[in-house]
Amino acid sequence: MPSEENGASSCGRETNVHGTGYDAAARACLWDAWLNGSTAGLMITMHTVEGDPISYMMRVRPGPIVDVTEDSRDRFGSPGVTRTTCKTLEKRAGSGDRFGFVLRGCDGRASEIVIP
């Protein structure tokens, strides 16, 4: 597994364009790190209906804490980069065997972040 600058193991990058590109192994890597109290990072990029990318860089670390950097290039939403620290990471069931994340207890502009 490649490493990141801060010593966190990298779970990789997922680029999800309208439902294609989902990476179960990358998401499981981040979830396992959270459960084990390890440090790891995962970048998930999703695209709006218009094709604008919204990226979430999530880093879990002991505490437990999740650091989230959101880079939105949504022309019809709120573009820009925001950084948030969250206290909990939850696994959220999706369709079939897919799952997303819900981050709660976040500081910053939202107390909850949902990543489908």
N, C-alpha and C. Protein backbone atom coordinates (compact mmCIF):
# COMPACT_ATOMS: atom_id res chain seq x y z
N MET A 1 0.84 -1.18 0.00
CA MET A 1 0.00 0.00 0.00
C MET A 1 0.89 1.24 0.00
N PRO A 2 0.65 2.21 -0.88
CA PRO A 2 1.47 3.42 -0.89
C PRO A 2 1.27 4.22 0.39
N SER A 3 2.23 5.04 0.74
CA SER A 3 2.07 5.85 1.94
C SER A 3 1.85 7.31 1.57
N GLU A 4 1.26 8.04 2.50
CA GLU A 4 1.01 9.46 2.31
C GLU A 4 2.07 10.24 3.06
N GLU A 5 2.10 11.54 2.84
CA GLU A 5 3.11 12.41 3.45
C GLU A 5 3.14 12.31 4.96
N ASN A 6 1.99 12.24 5.61
CA ASN A 6 1.95 12.26 7.08
C ASN A 6 2.11 10.89 7.69
N GLY A 7 2.50 9.89 6.92
CA GLY A 7 2.71 8.56 7.44
C GLY A 7 1.47 7.68 7.41
N ALA A 8 0.34 8.24 6.99
CA ALA A 8 -0.89 7.45 6.91
C ALA A 8 -0.82 6.50 5.73
N SER A 9 -1.31 5.29 5.92
CA SER A 9 -1.37 4.40 4.77
C SER A 9 -2.46 4.91 3.85
N SER A 10 -2.23 4.80 2.57
CA SER A 10 -3.20 5.29 1.60
C SER A 10 -4.12 4.16 1.17
N CYS A 11 -5.40 4.41 1.28
CA CYS A 11 -6.39 3.44 0.82
C CYS A 11 -6.70 3.66 -0.65
N GLY A 12 -6.13 4.69 -1.25
CA GLY A 12 -6.29 4.92 -2.67
C GLY A 12 -7.21 6.07 -3.00
N ARG A 13 -7.66 6.05 -4.26
CA ARG A 13 -8.56 7.08 -4.79
C ARG A 13 -9.71 6.41 -5.50
N GLU A 14 -10.88 6.94 -5.28
CA GLU A 14 -12.07 6.47 -5.99
C GLU A 14 -12.62 7.63 -6.78
N THR A 15 -12.85 7.42 -8.07
CA THR A 15 -13.49 8.43 -8.90
C THR A 15 -14.81 7.84 -9.38
N ASN A 16 -15.89 8.36 -8.84
CA ASN A 16 -17.22 7.83 -9.08
C ASN A 16 -17.97 8.81 -9.99
N VAL A 17 -18.22 8.37 -11.22
CA VAL A 17 -18.93 9.21 -12.18
C VAL A 17 -20.30 8.58 -12.42
N HIS A 18 -21.32 9.18 -11.79
CA HIS A 18 -22.71 8.75 -11.96
C HIS A 18 -22.88 7.25 -11.73
N GLY A 19 -22.27 6.75 -10.65
CA GLY A 19 -22.46 5.36 -10.25
C GLY A 19 -21.38 4.40 -10.72
N THR A 20 -20.52 4.81 -11.63
CA THR A 20 -19.44 3.92 -12.06
C THR A 20 -18.14 4.38 -11.41
N GLY A 21 -17.29 3.43 -11.05
CA GLY A 21 -16.01 3.75 -10.44
C GLY A 21 -15.98 3.49 -8.94
N TYR A 22 -17.07 2.96 -8.38
CA TYR A 22 -17.12 2.63 -6.96
C TYR A 22 -16.00 1.64 -6.64
N ASP A 23 -15.25 1.89 -5.55
CA ASP A 23 -14.12 1.03 -5.18
C ASP A 23 -14.35 0.46 -3.78
N ALA A 24 -14.92 -0.75 -3.73
CA ALA A 24 -15.25 -1.39 -2.46
C ALA A 24 -14.01 -1.62 -1.60
N ALA A 25 -12.90 -2.04 -2.21
CA ALA A 25 -11.68 -2.32 -1.44
C ALA A 25 -11.12 -1.06 -0.79
N ALA A 26 -11.15 0.06 -1.50
CA ALA A 26 -10.65 1.32 -0.95
C ALA A 26 -11.50 1.77 0.23
N ARG A 27 -12.82 1.65 0.10
CA ARG A 27 -13.71 2.04 1.20
C ARG A 27 -13.54 1.10 2.39
N ALA A 28 -13.39 -0.20 2.13
CA ALA A 28 -13.18 -1.16 3.21
C ALA A 28 -11.87 -0.88 3.95
N CYS A 29 -10.85 -0.46 3.22
CA CYS A 29 -9.56 -0.11 3.82
C CYS A 29 -9.72 1.02 4.84
N LEU A 30 -10.45 2.07 4.46
CA LEU A 30 -10.66 3.19 5.38
C LEU A 30 -11.49 2.75 6.58
N TRP A 31 -12.54 1.98 6.33
CA TRP A 31 -13.41 1.50 7.41
C TRP A 31 -12.62 0.62 8.39
N ASP A 32 -11.79 -0.27 7.87
CA ASP A 32 -10.97 -1.14 8.73
C ASP A 32 -10.00 -0.32 9.58
N ALA A 33 -9.40 0.70 8.98
CA ALA A 33 -8.48 1.56 9.73
C ALA A 33 -9.23 2.26 10.87
N TRP A 34 -10.44 2.73 10.59
CA TRP A 34 -11.26 3.38 11.62
C TRP A 34 -11.53 2.41 12.77
N LEU A 35 -11.96 1.19 12.43
CA LEU A 35 -12.29 0.20 13.45
C LEU A 35 -11.07 -0.20 14.28
N ASN A 36 -9.89 -0.23 13.65
CA ASN A 36 -8.67 -0.67 14.32
C ASN A 36 -7.89 0.45 14.99
N GLY A 37 -8.36 1.69 14.86
CA GLY A 37 -7.65 2.82 15.45
C GLY A 37 -6.35 3.15 14.73
N SER A 38 -6.28 2.79 13.45
CA SER A 38 -5.10 3.06 12.64
C SER A 38 -5.25 4.39 11.92
N THR A 39 -4.19 4.82 11.27
CA THR A 39 -4.21 6.03 10.47
C THR A 39 -4.24 5.63 9.00
N ALA A 40 -5.16 6.21 8.24
CA ALA A 40 -5.27 5.91 6.81
C ALA A 40 -6.00 7.05 6.11
N GLY A 41 -5.85 7.11 4.80
CA GLY A 41 -6.50 8.15 4.01
C GLY A 41 -7.15 7.59 2.76
N LEU A 42 -8.22 8.24 2.32
CA LEU A 42 -8.93 7.86 1.10
C LEU A 42 -9.47 9.12 0.44
N MET A 43 -9.27 9.23 -0.88
CA MET A 43 -9.83 10.32 -1.67
C MET A 43 -10.99 9.76 -2.48
N ILE A 44 -12.17 10.36 -2.30
CA ILE A 44 -13.35 9.98 -3.09
C ILE A 44 -13.79 11.21 -3.88
N THR A 45 -13.89 11.05 -5.20
CA THR A 45 -14.37 12.13 -6.06
C THR A 45 -15.66 11.67 -6.71
N MET A 46 -16.70 12.48 -6.56
CA MET A 46 -17.99 12.22 -7.19
C MET A 46 -18.30 13.38 -8.11
N HIS A 47 -19.19 13.16 -9.06
CA HIS A 47 -19.54 14.20 -10.02
C HIS A 47 -21.03 14.52 -9.94
N THR A 48 -21.34 15.80 -10.05
CA THR A 48 -22.73 16.24 -10.08
C THR A 48 -23.36 15.82 -11.40
N VAL A 49 -24.65 16.01 -11.52
CA VAL A 49 -25.37 15.70 -12.76
C VAL A 49 -24.74 16.45 -13.94
N GLU A 50 -24.28 17.68 -13.68
CA GLU A 50 -23.66 18.50 -14.73
C GLU A 50 -22.21 18.10 -15.01
N GLY A 51 -21.66 17.19 -14.20
CA GLY A 51 -20.29 16.73 -14.42
C GLY A 51 -19.23 17.44 -13.59
N ASP A 52 -19.65 18.29 -12.64
CA ASP A 52 -18.69 19.01 -11.81
C ASP A 52 -18.17 18.11 -10.69
N PRO A 53 -16.85 18.05 -10.47
CA PRO A 53 -16.30 17.17 -9.43
C PRO A 53 -16.41 17.77 -8.03
N ILE A 54 -16.69 16.89 -7.07
CA ILE A 54 -16.63 17.21 -5.65
C ILE A 54 -15.79 16.11 -5.01
N SER A 55 -14.64 16.49 -4.44
CA SER A 55 -13.71 15.53 -3.86
C SER A 55 -13.71 15.62 -2.35
N TYR A 56 -13.61 14.47 -1.71
CA TYR A 56 -13.50 14.37 -0.25
C TYR A 56 -12.23 13.60 0.07
N MET A 57 -11.28 14.26 0.73
CA MET A 57 -10.09 13.57 1.24
C MET A 57 -10.36 13.30 2.70
N MET A 58 -10.47 12.02 3.05
CA MET A 58 -10.74 11.64 4.44
C MET A 58 -9.51 10.97 5.01
N ARG A 59 -9.11 11.42 6.21
CA ARG A 59 -8.00 10.80 6.93
C ARG A 59 -8.49 10.41 8.31
N VAL A 60 -8.47 9.12 8.60
CA VAL A 60 -8.82 8.68 9.94
C VAL A 60 -7.53 8.59 10.74
N ARG A 61 -7.65 8.92 12.03
CA ARG A 61 -6.48 8.85 12.90
C ARG A 61 -6.93 8.53 14.31
N PRO A 62 -5.99 8.04 15.13
CA PRO A 62 -6.36 7.70 16.50
C PRO A 62 -6.96 8.91 17.21
N GLY A 63 -7.87 8.64 18.07
CA GLY A 63 -8.54 9.71 18.81
C GLY A 63 -9.91 9.29 19.29
N PRO A 64 -10.77 8.73 18.50
CA PRO A 64 -10.72 8.65 17.02
C PRO A 64 -11.21 9.96 16.39
N ILE A 65 -10.59 10.32 15.30
CA ILE A 65 -10.87 11.57 14.59
C ILE A 65 -10.85 11.29 13.10
N VAL A 66 -11.69 12.01 12.35
CA VAL A 66 -11.63 11.98 10.89
C VAL A 66 -11.44 13.41 10.41
N ASP A 67 -10.36 13.65 9.68
CA ASP A 67 -10.12 14.95 9.06
C ASP A 67 -10.65 14.86 7.63
N VAL A 68 -11.47 15.84 7.24
CA VAL A 68 -12.08 15.83 5.91
C VAL A 68 -11.75 17.14 5.21
N THR A 69 -11.22 17.03 4.00
CA THR A 69 -11.04 18.20 3.15
C THR A 69 -11.96 18.02 1.95
N GLU A 70 -12.90 18.94 1.79
CA GLU A 70 -13.84 18.88 0.67
C GLU A 70 -13.44 19.94 -0.35
N ASP A 71 -13.25 19.50 -1.58
CA ASP A 71 -12.90 20.40 -2.68
C ASP A 71 -14.04 20.34 -3.69
N SER A 72 -14.93 21.33 -3.63
CA SER A 72 -16.10 21.35 -4.50
C SER A 72 -15.87 22.30 -5.67
N ARG A 73 -16.09 21.77 -6.84
CA ARG A 73 -16.02 22.60 -8.05
C ARG A 73 -17.39 22.65 -8.71
N ASP A 74 -18.41 22.58 -7.87
CA ASP A 74 -19.80 22.58 -8.31
C ASP A 74 -20.20 24.00 -8.70
N ARG A 75 -20.39 24.22 -9.99
CA ARG A 75 -20.74 25.56 -10.50
C ARG A 75 -22.11 26.02 -10.03
N PHE A 76 -22.99 25.08 -9.66
CA PHE A 76 -24.35 25.43 -9.26
C PHE A 76 -24.57 25.27 -7.76
N GLY A 77 -23.51 24.98 -7.01
CA GLY A 77 -23.61 24.80 -5.56
C GLY A 77 -22.70 25.77 -4.85
N SER A 78 -21.92 25.25 -3.92
CA SER A 78 -21.00 26.06 -3.12
C SER A 78 -19.57 25.64 -3.43
N PRO A 79 -18.95 26.23 -4.46
CA PRO A 79 -17.58 25.85 -4.79
C PRO A 79 -16.58 26.34 -3.74
N GLY A 80 -15.46 25.64 -3.65
CA GLY A 80 -14.41 26.04 -2.73
C GLY A 80 -13.89 24.85 -1.94
N VAL A 81 -12.89 25.12 -1.12
CA VAL A 81 -12.26 24.08 -0.29
C VAL A 81 -12.61 24.36 1.17
N THR A 82 -13.10 23.32 1.86
CA THR A 82 -13.38 23.43 3.29
C THR A 82 -12.69 22.28 4.02
N ARG A 83 -12.27 22.57 5.24
CA ARG A 83 -11.64 21.55 6.08
C ARG A 83 -12.46 21.39 7.34
N THR A 84 -12.71 20.13 7.70
CA THR A 84 -13.57 19.81 8.83
C THR A 84 -12.95 18.66 9.61
N THR A 85 -13.17 18.64 10.91
CA THR A 85 -12.78 17.51 11.75
C THR A 85 -14.05 16.92 12.33
N CYS A 86 -14.20 15.60 12.20
CA CYS A 86 -15.40 14.91 12.68
C CYS A 86 -15.02 13.89 13.76
N LYS A 87 -15.98 13.62 14.65
CA LYS A 87 -15.73 12.71 15.77
C LYS A 87 -16.12 11.27 15.50
N THR A 88 -17.05 11.05 14.57
CA THR A 88 -17.47 9.67 14.30
C THR A 88 -17.58 9.41 12.81
N LEU A 89 -17.32 8.17 12.44
CA LEU A 89 -17.47 7.68 11.07
C LEU A 89 -18.39 6.47 11.14
N GLU A 90 -19.47 6.52 10.38
CA GLU A 90 -20.41 5.41 10.35
C GLU A 90 -20.50 4.85 8.94
N LYS A 91 -20.71 3.56 8.86
CA LYS A 91 -20.89 2.89 7.58
C LYS A 91 -22.38 2.94 7.26
N ARG A 92 -22.72 3.34 6.04
CA ARG A 92 -24.12 3.47 5.63
C ARG A 92 -24.39 2.53 4.46
N ALA A 93 -25.37 1.65 4.62
CA ALA A 93 -25.70 0.70 3.56
C ALA A 93 -26.18 1.43 2.31
N GLY A 94 -25.74 0.93 1.17
CA GLY A 94 -26.17 1.47 -0.11
C GLY A 94 -26.90 0.38 -0.88
N SER A 95 -26.93 0.50 -2.19
CA SER A 95 -27.59 -0.52 -3.01
C SER A 95 -26.66 -1.72 -3.20
N GLY A 96 -27.24 -2.90 -3.17
CA GLY A 96 -26.45 -4.12 -3.32
C GLY A 96 -25.45 -4.25 -2.19
N ASP A 97 -24.20 -4.52 -2.54
CA ASP A 97 -23.16 -4.66 -1.51
C ASP A 97 -22.37 -3.36 -1.32
N ARG A 98 -22.83 -2.28 -1.91
CA ARG A 98 -22.15 -0.99 -1.77
C ARG A 98 -22.46 -0.34 -0.43
N PHE A 99 -21.53 0.50 0.03
CA PHE A 99 -21.78 1.27 1.24
C PHE A 99 -21.14 2.64 1.13
N GLY A 100 -21.68 3.57 1.89
CA GLY A 100 -21.15 4.92 1.96
C GLY A 100 -20.76 5.22 3.40
N PHE A 101 -20.53 6.50 3.67
CA PHE A 101 -20.12 6.92 5.01
C PHE A 101 -20.98 8.08 5.48
N VAL A 102 -21.20 8.13 6.79
CA VAL A 102 -21.80 9.30 7.43
C VAL A 102 -20.82 9.73 8.50
N LEU A 103 -20.40 10.98 8.42
CA LEU A 103 -19.49 11.56 9.42
C LEU A 103 -20.31 12.48 10.29
N ARG A 104 -20.19 12.33 11.61
CA ARG A 104 -20.99 13.12 12.55
C ARG A 104 -20.08 13.81 13.57
N GLY A 105 -20.67 14.79 14.24
CA GLY A 105 -19.92 15.54 15.24
C GLY A 105 -18.84 16.38 14.60
N CYS A 106 -19.15 16.93 13.43
CA CYS A 106 -18.17 17.69 12.67
C CYS A 106 -18.20 19.16 13.06
N ASP A 107 -17.02 19.79 13.04
CA ASP A 107 -16.97 21.24 13.23
C ASP A 107 -17.02 21.87 11.85
N GLY A 108 -17.13 23.15 11.77
CA GLY A 108 -17.17 23.80 10.46
C GLY A 108 -18.58 24.07 10.00
N ARG A 109 -18.78 24.06 8.69
CA ARG A 109 -20.07 24.50 8.13
C ARG A 109 -21.20 23.50 8.27
N ALA A 110 -20.91 22.23 8.55
CA ALA A 110 -21.95 21.22 8.71
C ALA A 110 -21.57 20.27 9.84
N SER A 111 -22.55 19.88 10.66
CA SER A 111 -22.26 18.96 11.75
C SER A 111 -22.27 17.51 11.28
N GLU A 112 -22.77 17.29 10.04
CA GLU A 112 -22.85 15.95 9.48
C GLU A 112 -22.49 16.01 7.99
N ILE A 113 -21.71 15.03 7.54
CA ILE A 113 -21.34 14.93 6.13
C ILE A 113 -21.73 13.53 5.67
N VAL A 114 -22.47 13.45 4.57
CA VAL A 114 -22.89 12.16 4.01
C VAL A 114 -22.15 11.95 2.70
N ILE A 115 -21.48 10.80 2.60
CA ILE A 115 -20.78 10.43 1.37
C ILE A 115 -21.41 9.13 0.89
N PRO A 116 -22.23 9.22 -0.17
CA PRO A 116 -22.95 8.02 -0.63
C PRO A 116 -22.03 6.95 -1.20
